[in-house]
Amino acid sequence: MHWLPAALALLAVAGLADVISAVFRNTIIQLSVPDALRGRLMGVQMAVVTGGPRIGDAESGAVAAAFGTSASVVSGGLACIAGALVLARLLPAFTHQKAPAAQPPAETAPAADAAS
């Protein structure tokens, strides 16, 4: 991109998409993982979120050194699209994620009734 305003606008759109993706990931984990495993899975998710981009940085740097920056950007984008399509094909239930039915809140006795 050679025009800064367009680059900044596209960067903002990418940041928004990343935030929406993070909200979806966290919501799916919170709603579908049993309480006993939620902390462990959140730890794994955090490791992926912090470590995954570093792997991408190394890959894009290696491709840029070998083939140039344009090839690095284009091949990285195509690899992301291909990966998303492969995962959607391999995990069809993931694309149709549904929230579990809401449970009614447990009734609690008022404090005055509990004391008597």
PDB file of N, CA and C in Angstrom:
ATOM      1  N   MET A   1       0.858  -1.163   0.000  1.00  0.00           N
ATOM      2  CA  MET A   1       0.000   0.000   0.000  1.00  0.00           C
ATOM      3  C   MET A   1       0.907   1.229   0.000  1.00  0.00           C
ATOM      4  N   HIS A   2       0.654   2.102  -0.908  1.00  0.00           N
ATOM      5  CA  HIS A   2       1.498   3.289  -1.027  1.00  0.00           C
ATOM      6  C   HIS A   2       0.791   4.551  -0.567  1.00  0.00           C
ATOM      7  N   TRP A   3      -0.468   4.451  -0.166  1.00  0.00           N
ATOM      8  CA  TRP A   3      -1.220   5.624   0.279  1.00  0.00           C
ATOM      9  C   TRP A   3      -1.580   5.421   1.737  1.00  0.00           C
ATOM     10  N   LEU A   4      -1.009   6.246   2.608  1.00  0.00           N
ATOM     11  CA  LEU A   4      -1.123   6.077   4.050  1.00  0.00           C
ATOM     12  C   LEU A   4      -2.567   6.057   4.559  1.00  0.00           C
ATOM     13  N   PRO A   5      -3.463   6.948   4.128  1.00  0.00           N
ATOM     14  CA  PRO A   5      -4.831   6.892   4.643  1.00  0.00           C
ATOM     15  C   PRO A   5      -5.525   5.557   4.370  1.00  0.00           C
ATOM     16  N   ALA A   6      -5.319   5.012   3.179  1.00  0.00           N
ATOM     17  CA  ALA A   6      -5.925   3.713   2.871  1.00  0.00           C
ATOM     18  C   ALA A   6      -5.307   2.615   3.726  1.00  0.00           C
ATOM     19  N   ALA A   7      -3.998   2.670   3.930  1.00  0.00           N
ATOM     20  CA  ALA A   7      -3.338   1.672   4.769  1.00  0.00           C
ATOM     21  C   ALA A   7      -3.861   1.738   6.198  1.00  0.00           C
ATOM     22  N   LEU A   8      -4.050   2.932   6.732  1.00  0.00           N
ATOM     23  CA  LEU A   8      -4.569   3.077   8.085  1.00  0.00           C
ATOM     24  C   LEU A   8      -6.015   2.585   8.189  1.00  0.00           C
ATOM     25  N   ALA A   9      -6.824   2.862   7.180  1.00  0.00           N
ATOM     26  CA  ALA A   9      -8.210   2.389   7.177  1.00  0.00           C
ATOM     27  C   ALA A   9      -8.261   0.858   7.152  1.00  0.00           C
ATOM     28  N   LEU A  10      -7.431   0.248   6.313  1.00  0.00           N
ATOM     29  CA  LEU A  10      -7.400  -1.215   6.246  1.00  0.00           C
ATOM     30  C   LEU A  10      -6.860  -1.813   7.542  1.00  0.00           C
ATOM     31  N   LEU A  11      -5.904  -1.143   8.158  1.00  0.00           N
ATOM     32  CA  LEU A  11      -5.386  -1.605   9.439  1.00  0.00           C
ATOM     33  C   LEU A  11      -6.462  -1.554  10.521  1.00  0.00           C
ATOM     34  N   ALA A  12      -7.283  -0.512  10.496  1.00  0.00           N
ATOM     35  CA  ALA A  12      -8.388  -0.398  11.455  1.00  0.00           C
ATOM     36  C   ALA A  12      -9.409  -1.512  11.241  1.00  0.00           C
ATOM     37  N   VAL A  13      -9.714  -1.825   9.997  1.00  0.00           N
ATOM     38  CA  VAL A  13     -10.652  -2.918   9.695  1.00  0.00           C
ATOM     39  C   VAL A  13     -10.079  -4.246  10.175  1.00  0.00           C
ATOM     40  N   ALA A  14      -8.800  -4.474   9.959  1.00  0.00           N
ATOM     41  CA  ALA A  14      -8.161  -5.710  10.427  1.00  0.00           C
ATOM     42  C   ALA A  14      -8.175  -5.793  11.947  1.00  0.00           C
ATOM     43  N   GLY A  15      -7.937  -4.679  12.622  1.00  0.00           N
ATOM     44  CA  GLY A  15      -7.987  -4.667  14.082  1.00  0.00           C
ATOM     45  C   GLY A  15      -9.385  -4.964  14.598  1.00  0.00           C
ATOM     46  N   LEU A  16     -10.400  -4.394  13.960  1.00  0.00           N
ATOM     47  CA  LEU A  16     -11.786  -4.662  14.341  1.00  0.00           C
ATOM     48  C   LEU A  16     -12.119  -6.137  14.154  1.00  0.00           C
ATOM     49  N   ALA A  17     -11.702  -6.707  13.039  1.00  0.00           N
ATOM     50  CA  ALA A  17     -11.951  -8.132  12.800  1.00  0.00           C
ATOM     51  C   ALA A  17     -11.252  -8.991  13.852  1.00  0.00           C
ATOM     52  N   ASP A  18     -10.065  -8.591  14.266  1.00  0.00           N
ATOM     53  CA  ASP A  18      -9.342  -9.341  15.292  1.00  0.00           C
ATOM     54  C   ASP A  18     -10.067  -9.285  16.631  1.00  0.00           C
ATOM     55  N   VAL A  19     -10.596  -8.134  16.984  1.00  0.00           N
ATOM     56  CA  VAL A  19     -11.336  -7.994  18.243  1.00  0.00           C
ATOM     57  C   VAL A  19     -12.603  -8.839  18.210  1.00  0.00           C
ATOM     58  N   ILE A  20     -13.324  -8.800  17.105  1.00  0.00           N
ATOM     59  CA  ILE A  20     -14.541  -9.613  16.977  1.00  0.00           C
ATOM     60  C   ILE A  20     -14.205 -11.094  17.083  1.00  0.00           C
ATOM     61  N   SER A  21     -13.131 -11.513  16.446  1.00  0.00           N
ATOM     62  CA  SER A  21     -12.688 -12.904  16.538  1.00  0.00           C
ATOM     63  C   SER A  21     -12.365 -13.289  17.975  1.00  0.00           C
ATOM     64  N   ALA A  22     -11.705 -12.411  18.708  1.00  0.00           N
ATOM     65  CA  ALA A  22     -11.371 -12.697  20.110  1.00  0.00           C
ATOM     66  C   ALA A  22     -12.629 -12.832  20.958  1.00  0.00           C
ATOM     67  N   VAL A  23     -13.612 -11.992  20.711  1.00  0.00           N
ATOM     68  CA  VAL A  23     -14.872 -12.083  21.454  1.00  0.00           C
ATOM     69  C   VAL A  23     -15.554 -13.413  21.157  1.00  0.00           C
ATOM     70  N   PHE A  24     -15.602 -13.819  19.895  1.00  0.00           N
ATOM     71  CA  PHE A  24     -16.214 -15.098  19.546  1.00  0.00           C
ATOM     72  C   PHE A  24     -15.477 -16.260  20.204  1.00  0.00           C
ATOM     73  N   ARG A  25     -14.145 -16.248  20.136  1.00  0.00           N
ATOM     74  CA  ARG A  25     -13.370 -17.342  20.747  1.00  0.00           C
ATOM     75  C   ARG A  25     -13.643 -17.450  22.231  1.00  0.00           C
ATOM     76  N   ASN A  26     -13.572 -16.329  22.925  1.00  0.00           N
ATOM     77  CA  ASN A  26     -13.793 -16.348  24.374  1.00  0.00           C
ATOM     78  C   ASN A  26     -15.214 -16.766  24.720  1.00  0.00           C
ATOM     79  N   THR A  27     -16.190 -16.320  23.946  1.00  0.00           N
ATOM     80  CA  THR A  27     -17.579 -16.690  24.203  1.00  0.00           C
ATOM     81  C   THR A  27     -17.788 -18.186  24.011  1.00  0.00           C
ATOM     82  N   ILE A  28     -17.225 -18.736  22.955  1.00  0.00           N
ATOM     83  CA  ILE A  28     -17.368 -20.170  22.706  1.00  0.00           C
ATOM     84  C   ILE A  28     -16.732 -20.969  23.833  1.00  0.00           C
ATOM     85  N   ILE A  29     -15.564 -20.546  24.286  1.00  0.00           N
ATOM     86  CA  ILE A  29     -14.899 -21.259  25.385  1.00  0.00           C
ATOM     87  C   ILE A  29     -15.737 -21.155  26.654  1.00  0.00           C
ATOM     88  N   GLN A  30     -16.212 -19.969  26.980  1.00  0.00           N
ATOM     89  CA  GLN A  30     -16.963 -19.782  28.218  1.00  0.00           C
ATOM     90  C   GLN A  30     -18.270 -20.569  28.228  1.00  0.00           C
ATOM     91  N   LEU A  31     -18.912 -20.696  27.076  1.00  0.00           N
ATOM     92  CA  LEU A  31     -20.213 -21.361  27.032  1.00  0.00           C
ATOM     93  C   LEU A  31     -20.139 -22.869  26.846  1.00  0.00           C
ATOM     94  N   SER A  32     -19.072 -23.378  26.255  1.00  0.00           N
ATOM     95  CA  SER A  32     -19.086 -24.793  25.898  1.00  0.00           C
ATOM     96  C   SER A  32     -18.122 -25.667  26.686  1.00  0.00           C
ATOM     97  N   VAL A  33     -17.245 -25.080  27.468  1.00  0.00           N
ATOM     98  CA  VAL A  33     -16.256 -25.876  28.204  1.00  0.00           C
ATOM     99  C   VAL A  33     -16.743 -26.087  29.635  1.00  0.00           C
ATOM    100  N   PRO A  34     -16.643 -27.316  30.136  1.00  0.00           N
ATOM    101  CA  PRO A  34     -17.041 -27.557  31.529  1.00  0.00           C
ATOM    102  C   PRO A  34     -16.216 -26.706  32.497  1.00  0.00           C
ATOM    103  N   ASP A  35     -16.837 -26.359  33.624  1.00  0.00           N
ATOM    104  CA  ASP A  35     -16.175 -25.496  34.608  1.00  0.00           C
ATOM    105  C   ASP A  35     -14.815 -26.027  35.031  1.00  0.00           C
ATOM    106  N   ALA A  36     -14.697 -27.334  35.202  1.00  0.00           N
ATOM    107  CA  ALA A  36     -13.449 -27.928  35.690  1.00  0.00           C
ATOM    108  C   ALA A  36     -12.295 -27.763  34.704  1.00  0.00           C
ATOM    109  N   LEU A  37     -12.593 -27.576  33.432  1.00  0.00           N
ATOM    110  CA  LEU A  37     -11.547 -27.477  32.407  1.00  0.00           C
ATOM    111  C   LEU A  37     -11.363 -26.065  31.856  1.00  0.00           C
ATOM    112  N   ARG A  38     -12.230 -25.151  32.241  1.00  0.00           N
ATOM    113  CA  ARG A  38     -12.218 -23.824  31.638  1.00  0.00           C
ATOM    114  C   ARG A  38     -10.897 -23.096  31.857  1.00  0.00           C
ATOM    115  N   GLY A  39     -10.340 -23.145  33.053  1.00  0.00           N
ATOM    116  CA  GLY A  39      -9.076 -22.451  33.325  1.00  0.00           C
ATOM    117  C   GLY A  39      -7.936 -22.999  32.498  1.00  0.00           C
ATOM    118  N   ARG A  40      -7.881 -24.322  32.380  1.00  0.00           N
ATOM    119  CA  ARG A  40      -6.821 -24.943  31.575  1.00  0.00           C
ATOM    120  C   ARG A  40      -6.946 -24.551  30.111  1.00  0.00           C
ATOM    121  N   LEU A  41      -8.174 -24.594  29.603  1.00  0.00           N
ATOM    122  CA  LEU A  41      -8.360 -24.259  28.197  1.00  0.00           C
ATOM    123  C   LEU A  41      -8.088 -22.780  27.939  1.00  0.00           C
ATOM    124  N   MET A  42      -8.431 -21.923  28.889  1.00  0.00           N
ATOM    125  CA  MET A  42      -8.120 -20.504  28.724  1.00  0.00           C
ATOM    126  C   MET A  42      -6.603 -20.290  28.721  1.00  0.00           C
ATOM    127  N   GLY A  43      -5.874 -21.094  29.512  1.00  0.00           N
ATOM    128  CA  GLY A  43      -4.416 -21.016  29.491  1.00  0.00           C
ATOM    129  C   GLY A  43      -3.852 -21.415  28.138  1.00  0.00           C
ATOM    130  N   VAL A  44      -4.391 -22.484  27.562  1.00  0.00           N
ATOM    131  CA  VAL A  44      -3.955 -22.917  26.227  1.00  0.00           C
ATOM    132  C   VAL A  44      -4.295 -21.837  25.205  1.00  0.00           C
ATOM    133  N   GLN A  45      -5.495 -21.283  25.315  1.00  0.00           N
ATOM    134  CA  GLN A  45      -5.905 -20.243  24.375  1.00  0.00           C
ATOM    135  C   GLN A  45      -4.986 -19.027  24.479  1.00  0.00           C
ATOM    136  N   MET A  46      -4.609 -18.673  25.693  1.00  0.00           N
ATOM    137  CA  MET A  46      -3.702 -17.541  25.877  1.00  0.00           C
ATOM    138  C   MET A  46      -2.327 -17.821  25.260  1.00  0.00           C
ATOM    139  N   ALA A  47      -1.836 -19.054  25.419  1.00  0.00           N
ATOM    140  CA  ALA A  47      -0.545 -19.416  24.820  1.00  0.00           C
ATOM    141  C   ALA A  47      -0.609 -19.330  23.297  1.00  0.00           C
ATOM    142  N   VAL A  48      -1.724 -19.755  22.726  1.00  0.00           N
ATOM    143  CA  VAL A  48      -1.882 -19.692  21.268  1.00  0.00           C
ATOM    144  C   VAL A  48      -1.951 -18.235  20.811  1.00  0.00           C
ATOM    145  N   VAL A  49      -2.704 -17.417  21.541  1.00  0.00           N
ATOM    146  CA  VAL A  49      -2.864 -16.010  21.144  1.00  0.00           C
ATOM    147  C   VAL A  49      -1.545 -15.255  21.238  1.00  0.00           C
ATOM    148  N   THR A  50      -0.731 -15.564  22.262  1.00  0.00           N
ATOM    149  CA  THR A  50       0.539 -14.848  22.388  1.00  0.00           C
ATOM    150  C   THR A  50       1.652 -15.462  21.551  1.00  0.00           C
ATOM    151  N   GLY A  51       1.626 -16.772  21.348  1.00  0.00           N
ATOM    152  CA  GLY A  51       2.691 -17.431  20.600  1.00  0.00           C
ATOM    153  C   GLY A  51       2.447 -17.536  19.110  1.00  0.00           C
ATOM    154  N   GLY A  52       1.190 -17.634  18.714  1.00  0.00           N
ATOM    155  CA  GLY A  52       0.852 -17.788  17.300  1.00  0.00           C
ATOM    156  C   GLY A  52       1.383 -16.676  16.417  1.00  0.00           C
ATOM    157  N   PRO A  53       1.176 -15.428  16.790  1.00  0.00           N
ATOM    158  CA  PRO A  53       1.696 -14.345  15.946  1.00  0.00           C
ATOM    159  C   PRO A  53       3.214 -14.366  15.795  1.00  0.00           C
ATOM    160  N   ARG A  54       3.938 -14.836  16.816  1.00  0.00           N
ATOM    161  CA  ARG A  54       5.400 -14.902  16.693  1.00  0.00           C
ATOM    162  C   ARG A  54       5.799 -15.912  15.626  1.00  0.00           C
ATOM    163  N   ILE A  55       5.063 -17.010  15.532  1.00  0.00           N
ATOM    164  CA  ILE A  55       5.333 -17.997  14.471  1.00  0.00           C
ATOM    165  C   ILE A  55       5.065 -17.357  13.111  1.00  0.00           C
ATOM    166  N   GLY A  56       3.971 -16.605  13.027  1.00  0.00           N
ATOM    167  CA  GLY A  56       3.665 -15.893  11.782  1.00  0.00           C
ATOM    168  C   GLY A  56       4.712 -14.856  11.430  1.00  0.00           C
ATOM    169  N   ASP A  57       5.230 -14.182  12.445  1.00  0.00           N
ATOM    170  CA  ASP A  57       6.297 -13.201  12.207  1.00  0.00           C
ATOM    171  C   ASP A  57       7.532 -13.874  11.617  1.00  0.00           C
ATOM    172  N   ALA A  58       7.899 -15.020  12.176  1.00  0.00           N
ATOM    173  CA  ALA A  58       9.076 -15.743  11.673  1.00  0.00           C
ATOM    174  C   ALA A  58       8.848 -16.208  10.235  1.00  0.00           C
ATOM    175  N   GLU A  59       7.650 -16.716   9.964  1.00  0.00           N
ATOM    176  CA  GLU A  59       7.335 -17.183   8.599  1.00  0.00           C
ATOM    177  C   GLU A  59       7.369 -16.029   7.612  1.00  0.00           C
ATOM    178  N   SER A  60       6.728 -14.919   7.957  1.00  0.00           N
ATOM    179  CA  SER A  60       6.687 -13.804   7.011  1.00  0.00           C
ATOM    180  C   SER A  60       8.073 -13.187   6.821  1.00  0.00           C
ATOM    181  N   GLY A  61       8.887 -13.174   7.869  1.00  0.00           N
ATOM    182  CA  GLY A  61      10.256 -12.672   7.727  1.00  0.00           C
ATOM    183  C   GLY A  61      11.098 -13.557   6.828  1.00  0.00           C
ATOM    184  N   ALA A  62      10.929 -14.874   6.972  1.00  0.00           N
ATOM    185  CA  ALA A  62      11.684 -15.805   6.127  1.00  0.00           C
ATOM    186  C   ALA A  62      11.264 -15.682   4.666  1.00  0.00           C
ATOM    187  N   VAL A  63       9.957 -15.585   4.430  1.00  0.00           N
ATOM    188  CA  VAL A  63       9.477 -15.439   3.046  1.00  0.00           C
ATOM    189  C   VAL A  63       9.920 -14.097   2.476  1.00  0.00           C
ATOM    190  N   ALA A  64       9.857 -13.029   3.272  1.00  0.00           N
ATOM    191  CA  ALA A  64      10.284 -11.717   2.793  1.00  0.00           C
ATOM    192  C   ALA A  64      11.772 -11.707   2.456  1.00  0.00           C
ATOM    193  N   ALA A  65      12.589 -12.387   3.266  1.00  0.00           N
ATOM    194  CA  ALA A  65      14.025 -12.442   2.989  1.00  0.00           C
ATOM    195  C   ALA A  65      14.307 -13.230   1.717  1.00  0.00           C
ATOM    196  N   ALA A  66      13.526 -14.274   1.480  1.00  0.00           N
ATOM    197  CA  ALA A  66      13.773 -15.122   0.314  1.00  0.00           C
ATOM    198  C   ALA A  66      13.151 -14.576  -0.966  1.00  0.00           C
ATOM    199  N   PHE A  67      11.936 -14.001  -0.869  1.00  0.00           N
ATOM    200  CA  PHE A  67      11.198 -13.641  -2.086  1.00  0.00           C
ATOM    201  C   PHE A  67      10.754 -12.184  -2.158  1.00  0.00           C
ATOM    202  N   GLY A  68      10.952 -11.405  -1.105  1.00  0.00           N
ATOM    203  CA  GLY A  68      10.534 -10.003  -1.105  1.00  0.00           C
ATOM    204  C   GLY A  68       9.288  -9.790  -0.260  1.00  0.00           C
ATOM    205  N   THR A  69       9.088  -8.507   0.109  1.00  0.00           N
ATOM    206  CA  THR A  69       7.991  -8.194   1.013  1.00  0.00           C
ATOM    207  C   THR A  69       6.619  -8.395   0.386  1.00  0.00           C
ATOM    208  N   SER A  70       6.467  -8.093  -0.882  1.00  0.00           N
ATOM    209  CA  SER A  70       5.163  -8.276  -1.539  1.00  0.00           C
ATOM    210  C   SER A  70       4.765  -9.743  -1.553  1.00  0.00           C
ATOM    211  N   ALA A  71       5.710 -10.599  -1.879  1.00  0.00           N
ATOM    212  CA  ALA A  71       5.427 -12.034  -1.886  1.00  0.00           C
ATOM    213  C   ALA A  71       5.074 -12.521  -0.488  1.00  0.00           C
ATOM    214  N   SER A  72       5.721 -11.951   0.517  1.00  0.00           N
ATOM    215  CA  SER A  72       5.439 -12.341   1.898  1.00  0.00           C
ATOM    216  C   SER A  72       4.016 -11.978   2.290  1.00  0.00           C
ATOM    217  N   VAL A  73       3.596 -10.769   1.961  1.00  0.00           N
ATOM    218  CA  VAL A  73       2.248 -10.321   2.321  1.00  0.00           C
ATOM    219  C   VAL A  73       1.197 -11.134   1.574  1.00  0.00           C
ATOM    220  N   VAL A  74       1.377 -11.301   0.272  1.00  0.00           N
ATOM    221  CA  VAL A  74       0.391 -12.030  -0.528  1.00  0.00           C
ATOM    222  C   VAL A  74       0.327 -13.505  -0.118  1.00  0.00           C
ATOM    223  N   SER A  75       1.462 -14.145   0.049  1.00  0.00           N
ATOM    224  CA  SER A  75       1.449 -15.570   0.407  1.00  0.00           C
ATOM    225  C   SER A  75       0.893 -15.778   1.817  1.00  0.00           C
ATOM    226  N   GLY A  76       1.180 -14.851   2.736  1.00  0.00           N
ATOM    227  CA  GLY A  76       0.617 -14.952   4.082  1.00  0.00           C
ATOM    228  C   GLY A  76      -0.899 -14.823   4.075  1.00  0.00           C
ATOM    229  N   GLY A  77      -1.410 -13.879   3.316  1.00  0.00           N
ATOM    230  CA  GLY A  77      -2.864 -13.709   3.202  1.00  0.00           C
ATOM    231  C   GLY A  77      -3.529 -14.914   2.573  1.00  0.00           C
ATOM    232  N   LEU A  78      -2.925 -15.434   1.510  1.00  0.00           N
ATOM    233  CA  LEU A  78      -3.484 -16.626   0.863  1.00  0.00           C
ATOM    234  C   LEU A  78      -3.431 -17.841   1.788  1.00  0.00           C
ATOM    235  N   ALA A  79      -2.359 -17.959   2.566  1.00  0.00           N
ATOM    236  CA  ALA A  79      -2.255 -19.072   3.513  1.00  0.00           C
ATOM    237  C   ALA A  79      -3.329 -18.971   4.598  1.00  0.00           C
ATOM    238  N   CYS A  80      -3.628 -17.757   5.060  1.00  0.00           N
ATOM    239  CA  CYS A  80      -4.687 -17.571   6.062  1.00  0.00           C
ATOM    240  C   CYS A  80      -6.044 -17.963   5.496  1.00  0.00           C
ATOM    241  N   ILE A  81      -6.333 -17.534   4.288  1.00  0.00           N
ATOM    242  CA  ILE A  81      -7.602 -17.881   3.648  1.00  0.00           C
ATOM    243  C   ILE A  81      -7.698 -19.385   3.450  1.00  0.00           C
ATOM    244  N   ALA A  82      -6.621 -19.993   2.954  1.00  0.00           N
ATOM    245  CA  ALA A  82      -6.620 -21.446   2.737  1.00  0.00           C
ATOM    246  C   ALA A  82      -6.798 -22.196   4.063  1.00  0.00           C
ATOM    247  N   GLY A  83      -6.115 -21.739   5.103  1.00  0.00           N
ATOM    248  CA  GLY A  83      -6.254 -22.392   6.409  1.00  0.00           C
ATOM    249  C   GLY A  83      -7.669 -22.298   6.945  1.00  0.00           C
ATOM    250  N   ALA A  84      -8.300 -21.132   6.803  1.00  0.00           N
ATOM    251  CA  ALA A  84      -9.678 -20.968   7.270  1.00  0.00           C
ATOM    252  C   ALA A  84     -10.624 -21.872   6.499  1.00  0.00           C
ATOM    253  N   LEU A  85     -10.431 -21.989   5.190  1.00  0.00           N
ATOM    254  CA  LEU A  85     -11.285 -22.863   4.383  1.00  0.00           C
ATOM    255  C   LEU A  85     -11.089 -24.333   4.747  1.00  0.00           C
ATOM    256  N   VAL A  86      -9.850 -24.743   4.981  1.00  0.00           N
ATOM    257  CA  VAL A  86      -9.578 -26.131   5.372  1.00  0.00           C
ATOM    258  C   VAL A  86     -10.227 -26.435   6.718  1.00  0.00           C
ATOM    259  N   LEU A  87     -10.068 -25.540   7.686  1.00  0.00           N
ATOM    260  CA  LEU A  87     -10.679 -25.763   8.995  1.00  0.00           C
ATOM    261  C   LEU A  87     -12.204 -25.780   8.916  1.00  0.00           C
ATOM    262  N   ALA A  88     -12.784 -24.908   8.109  1.00  0.00           N
ATOM    263  CA  ALA A  88     -14.240 -24.912   7.949  1.00  0.00           C
ATOM    264  C   ALA A  88     -14.705 -26.226   7.336  1.00  0.00           C
ATOM    265  N   ARG A  89     -13.904 -26.794   6.451  1.00  0.00           N
ATOM    266  CA  ARG A  89     -14.258 -28.073   5.819  1.00  0.00           C
ATOM    267  C   ARG A  89     -14.089 -29.236   6.790  1.00  0.00           C
ATOM    268  N   LEU A  90     -13.004 -29.205   7.588  1.00  0.00           N
ATOM    269  CA  LEU A  90     -12.726 -30.297   8.519  1.00  0.00           C
ATOM    270  C   LEU A  90     -13.599 -30.247   9.773  1.00  0.00           C
ATOM    271  N   LEU A  91     -14.045 -29.057  10.157  1.00  0.00           N
ATOM    272  CA  LEU A  91     -14.837 -28.890  11.383  1.00  0.00           C
ATOM    273  C   LEU A  91     -16.166 -28.195  11.058  1.00  0.00           C
ATOM    274  N   PRO A  92     -17.069 -28.871  10.349  1.00  0.00           N
ATOM    275  CA  PRO A  92     -18.306 -28.194   9.942  1.00  0.00           C
ATOM    276  C   PRO A  92     -19.179 -27.775  11.126  1.00  0.00           C
ATOM    277  N   ALA A  93     -19.133 -28.498  12.226  1.00  0.00           N
ATOM    278  CA  ALA A  93     -19.955 -28.123  13.381  1.00  0.00           C
ATOM    279  C   ALA A  93     -19.503 -26.792  13.969  1.00  0.00           C
ATOM    280  N   PHE A  94     -18.246 -26.455  13.808  1.00  0.00           N
ATOM    281  CA  PHE A  94     -17.723 -25.197  14.337  1.00  0.00           C
ATOM    282  C   PHE A  94     -18.378 -23.998  13.660  1.00  0.00           C
ATOM    283  N   THR A  95     -18.685 -24.118  12.387  1.00  0.00           N
ATOM    284  CA  THR A  95     -19.300 -23.008  11.664  1.00  0.00           C
ATOM    285  C   THR A  95     -20.762 -22.825  12.034  1.00  0.00           C
ATOM    286  N   HIS A  96     -21.350 -23.814  12.712  1.00  0.00           N
ATOM    287  CA  HIS A  96     -22.752 -23.739  13.133  1.00  0.00           C
ATOM    288  C   HIS A  96     -22.857 -23.737  14.654  1.00  0.00           C
ATOM    289  N   GLN A  97     -21.922 -23.079  15.325  1.00  0.00           N
ATOM    290  CA  GLN A  97     -21.881 -23.048  16.784  1.00  0.00           C
ATOM    291  C   GLN A  97     -23.154 -22.431  17.337  1.00  0.00           C
ATOM    292  N   LYS A  98     -23.776 -23.120  18.278  1.00  0.00           N
ATOM    293  CA  LYS A  98     -24.989 -22.630  18.923  1.00  0.00           C
ATOM    294  C   LYS A  98     -24.752 -22.533  20.420  1.00  0.00           C
ATOM    295  N   ALA A  99     -25.289 -21.510  21.026  1.00  0.00           N
ATOM    296  CA  ALA A  99     -25.191 -21.356  22.474  1.00  0.00           C
ATOM    297  C   ALA A  99     -26.126 -22.357  23.141  1.00  0.00           C
ATOM    298  N   PRO A 100     -25.706 -22.939  24.262  1.00  0.00           N
ATOM    299  CA  PRO A 100     -26.604 -23.846  24.969  1.00  0.00           C
ATOM    300  C   PRO A 100     -27.816 -23.085  25.500  1.00  0.00           C
ATOM    301  N   ALA A 101     -28.909 -23.808  25.708  1.00  0.00           N
ATOM    302  CA  ALA A 101     -30.128 -23.177  26.216  1.00  0.00           C
ATOM    303  C   ALA A 101     -29.849 -22.561  27.585  1.00  0.00           C
ATOM    304  N   ALA A 102     -30.389 -21.406  27.804  1.00  0.00           N
ATOM    305  CA  ALA A 102     -30.181 -20.708  29.074  1.00  0.00           C
ATOM    306  C   ALA A 102     -30.895 -21.459  30.199  1.00  0.00           C
ATOM    307  N   GLN A 103     -30.216 -21.602  31.307  1.00  0.00           N
ATOM    308  CA  GLN A 103     -30.791 -22.232  32.485  1.00  0.00           C
ATOM    309  C   GLN A 103     -31.445 -21.155  33.335  1.00  0.00           C
ATOM    310  N   PRO A 104     -32.640 -21.444  33.881  1.00  0.00           N
ATOM    311  CA  PRO A 104     -33.238 -20.430  34.757  1.00  0.00           C
ATOM    312  C   PRO A 104     -32.396 -20.281  36.018  1.00  0.00           C
ATOM    313  N   PRO A 105     -32.319 -19.079  36.570  1.00  0.00           N
ATOM    314  CA  PRO A 105     -31.503 -18.888  37.771  1.00  0.00           C
ATOM    315  C   PRO A 105     -32.085 -19.666  38.945  1.00  0.00           C
ATOM    316  N   ALA A 106     -31.204 -20.164  39.795  1.00  0.00           N
ATOM    317  CA  ALA A 106     -31.646 -20.893  40.977  1.00  0.00           C
ATOM    318  C   ALA A 106     -32.297 -19.915  41.931  1.00  0.00           C
ATOM    319  N   GLU A 107     -33.409 -20.340  42.519  1.00  0.00           N
ATOM    320  CA  GLU A 107     -34.103 -19.461  43.460  1.00  0.00           C
ATOM    321  C   GLU A 107     -33.351 -19.455  44.779  1.00  0.00           C
ATOM    322  N   THR A 108     -33.187 -18.271  45.304  1.00  0.00           N
ATOM    323  CA  THR A 108     -32.511 -18.134  46.605  1.00  0.00           C
ATOM    324  C   THR A 108     -33.486 -17.553  47.600  1.00  0.00           C
ATOM    325  N   ALA A 109     -33.377 -18.008  48.836  1.00  0.00           N
ATOM    326  CA  ALA A 109     -34.245 -17.500  49.887  1.00  0.00           C
ATOM    327  C   ALA A 109     -33.743 -16.141  50.334  1.00  0.00           C
ATOM    328  N   PRO A 110     -34.651 -15.223  50.598  1.00  0.00           N
ATOM    329  CA  PRO A 110     -34.201 -13.915  51.124  1.00  0.00           C
ATOM    330  C   PRO A 110     -33.487 -14.107  52.458  1.00  0.00           C
ATOM    331  N   ALA A 111     -32.603 -13.183  52.784  1.00  0.00           N
ATOM    332  CA  ALA A 111     -31.787 -13.287  53.991  1.00  0.00           C
ATOM    333  C   ALA A 111     -32.653 -13.353  55.251  1.00  0.00           C
ATOM    334  N   ALA A 112     -33.786 -12.625  55.290  1.00  0.00           N
ATOM    335  CA  ALA A 112     -34.645 -12.617  56.466  1.00  0.00           C
ATOM    336  C   ALA A 112     -35.274 -13.989  56.693  1.00  0.00           C
ATOM    337  N   ASP A 113     -35.674 -14.666  55.586  1.00  0.00           N
ATOM    338  CA  ASP A 113     -36.268 -15.999  55.719  1.00  0.00           C
ATOM    339  C   ASP A 113     -35.241 -17.023  56.129  1.00  0.00           C
ATOM    340  N   ALA A 114     -34.022 -16.857  55.670  1.00  0.00           N
ATOM    341  CA  ALA A 114     -32.966 -17.818  55.983  1.00  0.00           C
ATOM    342  C   ALA A 114     -32.579 -17.760  57.458  1.00  0.00           C
ATOM    343  N   ALA A 115     -32.725 -16.582  58.086  1.00  0.00           N
ATOM    344  CA  ALA A 115     -32.332 -16.429  59.493  1.00  0.00           C
ATOM    345  C   ALA A 115     -33.352 -17.049  60.441  1.00  0.00           C
ATOM    346  N   SER A 116     -34.610 -17.198  60.025  1.00  0.00           N
ATOM    347  CA  SER A 116     -35.621 -17.732  60.936  1.00  0.00           C
ATOM    348  C   SER A 116     -35.690 -19.224  61.001  1.00  0.00           C
TER     349      SER A 116
END
